[in-house]
Amino acid sequence: MSITTRRWLDWVIVILGFWLITSPRVLTLAADDGSAAWSSRIVGVGLLLLAASSMHKPAVWLESVGAVLGVWLIASPWILAITRASSAAANAVIVGLLVVGYAIWAFRIDTGRI
């Protein structure tokens, strides 16, 4: 795969990271200060840092960390007991699936360079 595809994937992760940082306010999640809101913000910042690192120098371990963050997002509605806040739970699961999917795609690109 080309470097253009790789950069496109990194920018998608940047957008998802910014969305996770702002989504508690947009989705009015539990007065915007609960554990689910903080989880969303922390994972969002983590994704931004991973994308920045990956843009500088792609590495397989970065995709692994991204996949772990995505799995956390998928599981977080049940771990943090936010399943009653359906918009927040759906947001976490959908973004988590996207992050895992993009991590797998980027992992496939990176393993071609090893």
Protein backbone atom coordinates (compact mmCIF):
# COMPACT_ATOMS: atom_id res chain seq x y z
CA MET A 1 0.00 0.00 0.00
CA SER A 2 1.13 3.52 -0.61
CA ILE A 3 2.21 6.12 1.91
CA THR A 4 -0.82 8.17 0.83
CA THR A 5 -3.14 5.47 2.18
CA ARG A 6 -1.16 5.43 5.42
CA ARG A 7 -1.48 9.17 5.88
CA TRP A 8 -5.19 9.01 5.12
CA LEU A 9 -5.60 6.44 7.91
CA ASP A 10 -3.69 8.63 10.34
CA TRP A 11 -5.94 11.61 9.59
CA VAL A 12 -9.04 9.48 10.18
CA ILE A 13 -7.65 8.61 13.61
CA VAL A 14 -7.04 12.32 14.27
CA ILE A 15 -10.67 13.09 13.43
CA LEU A 16 -11.91 10.25 15.65
CA GLY A 17 -9.66 11.49 18.47
CA PHE A 18 -11.07 15.02 18.24
CA TRP A 19 -14.59 13.59 18.11
CA LEU A 20 -14.00 11.59 21.28
CA ILE A 21 -12.72 14.69 23.07
CA THR A 22 -15.76 16.75 22.08
CA SER A 23 -18.46 14.06 22.08
CA PRO A 24 -19.25 14.20 25.84
CA ARG A 25 -20.28 17.83 25.42
CA VAL A 26 -22.11 17.19 22.14
CA LEU A 27 -23.95 14.15 23.50
CA THR A 28 -24.54 15.89 26.89
CA LEU A 29 -23.14 12.89 28.72
CA ALA A 30 -24.01 12.90 32.43
CA ALA A 31 -23.27 16.57 33.05
CA ASP A 32 -20.08 16.12 31.02
CA ASP A 33 -18.01 15.03 34.03
CA GLY A 34 -18.73 11.34 34.61
CA SER A 35 -16.38 8.43 34.15
CA ALA A 36 -17.66 7.81 30.62
CA ALA A 37 -16.91 11.41 29.62
CA TRP A 38 -13.41 11.21 31.06
CA SER A 39 -12.81 7.87 29.40
CA SER A 40 -13.83 9.37 26.06
CA ARG A 41 -11.52 12.36 26.52
CA ILE A 42 -8.54 10.28 27.62
CA VAL A 43 -8.90 7.83 24.73
CA GLY A 44 -9.34 10.78 22.35
CA VAL A 45 -6.08 12.34 23.52
CA GLY A 46 -4.41 8.94 23.27
CA LEU A 47 -5.57 8.57 19.68
CA LEU A 48 -4.26 12.03 18.82
CA LEU A 49 -0.87 11.16 20.28
CA LEU A 50 -0.79 7.82 18.46
CA ALA A 51 -1.72 9.44 15.15
CA ALA A 52 0.95 12.12 15.59
CA SER A 53 3.56 9.47 16.39
CA SER A 54 2.44 7.35 13.46
CA MET A 55 2.64 10.31 11.09
CA HIS A 56 6.20 10.93 12.25
CA LYS A 57 7.32 7.30 12.11
CA PRO A 58 4.87 4.44 11.52
CA ALA A 59 5.35 1.41 13.75
CA VAL A 60 3.45 -1.81 14.35
CA TRP A 61 3.34 -1.27 18.11
CA LEU A 62 1.44 1.99 17.60
CA GLU A 63 -1.30 0.10 15.78
CA SER A 64 -1.41 -2.43 18.61
CA VAL A 65 -1.95 0.34 21.16
CA GLY A 66 -4.63 1.82 18.89
CA ALA A 67 -6.39 -1.53 18.72
CA VAL A 68 -6.32 -1.81 22.53
CA LEU A 69 -7.86 1.66 22.82
CA GLY A 70 -10.54 0.63 20.33
CA VAL A 71 -11.32 -2.54 22.29
CA TRP A 72 -11.57 -0.43 25.46
CA LEU A 73 -14.07 1.86 23.73
CA ILE A 74 -16.17 -1.13 22.66
CA ALA A 75 -16.20 -2.60 26.18
CA SER A 76 -16.43 0.67 28.13
CA PRO A 77 -20.24 1.06 28.09
CA TRP A 78 -20.56 -2.17 30.06
CA ILE A 79 -17.45 -1.70 32.24
CA LEU A 80 -18.41 1.87 33.17
CA ALA A 81 -22.15 1.03 33.34
CA ILE A 82 -23.25 3.68 30.85
CA THR A 83 -25.53 1.38 28.87
CA ARG A 84 -28.55 3.47 29.91
CA ALA A 85 -27.09 6.50 28.16
CA SER A 86 -27.76 4.97 24.77
CA SER A 87 -26.20 7.74 22.66
CA ALA A 88 -22.95 7.63 24.64
CA ALA A 89 -22.84 3.83 24.59
CA ALA A 90 -23.55 3.67 20.87
CA ASN A 91 -20.91 6.34 20.23
CA ALA A 92 -18.27 4.42 22.19
CA VAL A 93 -19.02 1.13 20.41
CA ILE A 94 -19.14 2.64 16.91
CA VAL A 95 -15.96 4.69 17.34
CA GLY A 96 -14.27 1.68 18.97
CA LEU A 97 -15.13 -0.51 15.99
CA LEU A 98 -13.79 2.14 13.61
CA VAL A 99 -10.56 2.48 15.60
CA VAL A 100 -10.02 -1.30 15.68
CA GLY A 101 -10.79 -1.53 11.96
CA TYR A 102 -8.36 1.23 11.06
CA ALA A 103 -5.71 -0.25 13.39
CA ILE A 104 -5.99 -3.60 11.64
CA TRP A 105 -5.80 -1.91 8.23
CA ALA A 106 -2.74 0.13 9.26
CA PHE A 107 -1.18 -2.97 10.83
CA ARG A 108 -1.45 -4.73 7.49
CA ILE A 109 0.23 -1.79 5.78
CA ASP A 110 3.02 -1.62 8.40
CA THR A 111 3.78 -5.34 8.33
CA GLY A 112 4.59 -4.97 4.66
CA ARG A 113 7.53 -2.74 5.69
CA ILE A 114 9.05 -5.07 8.28
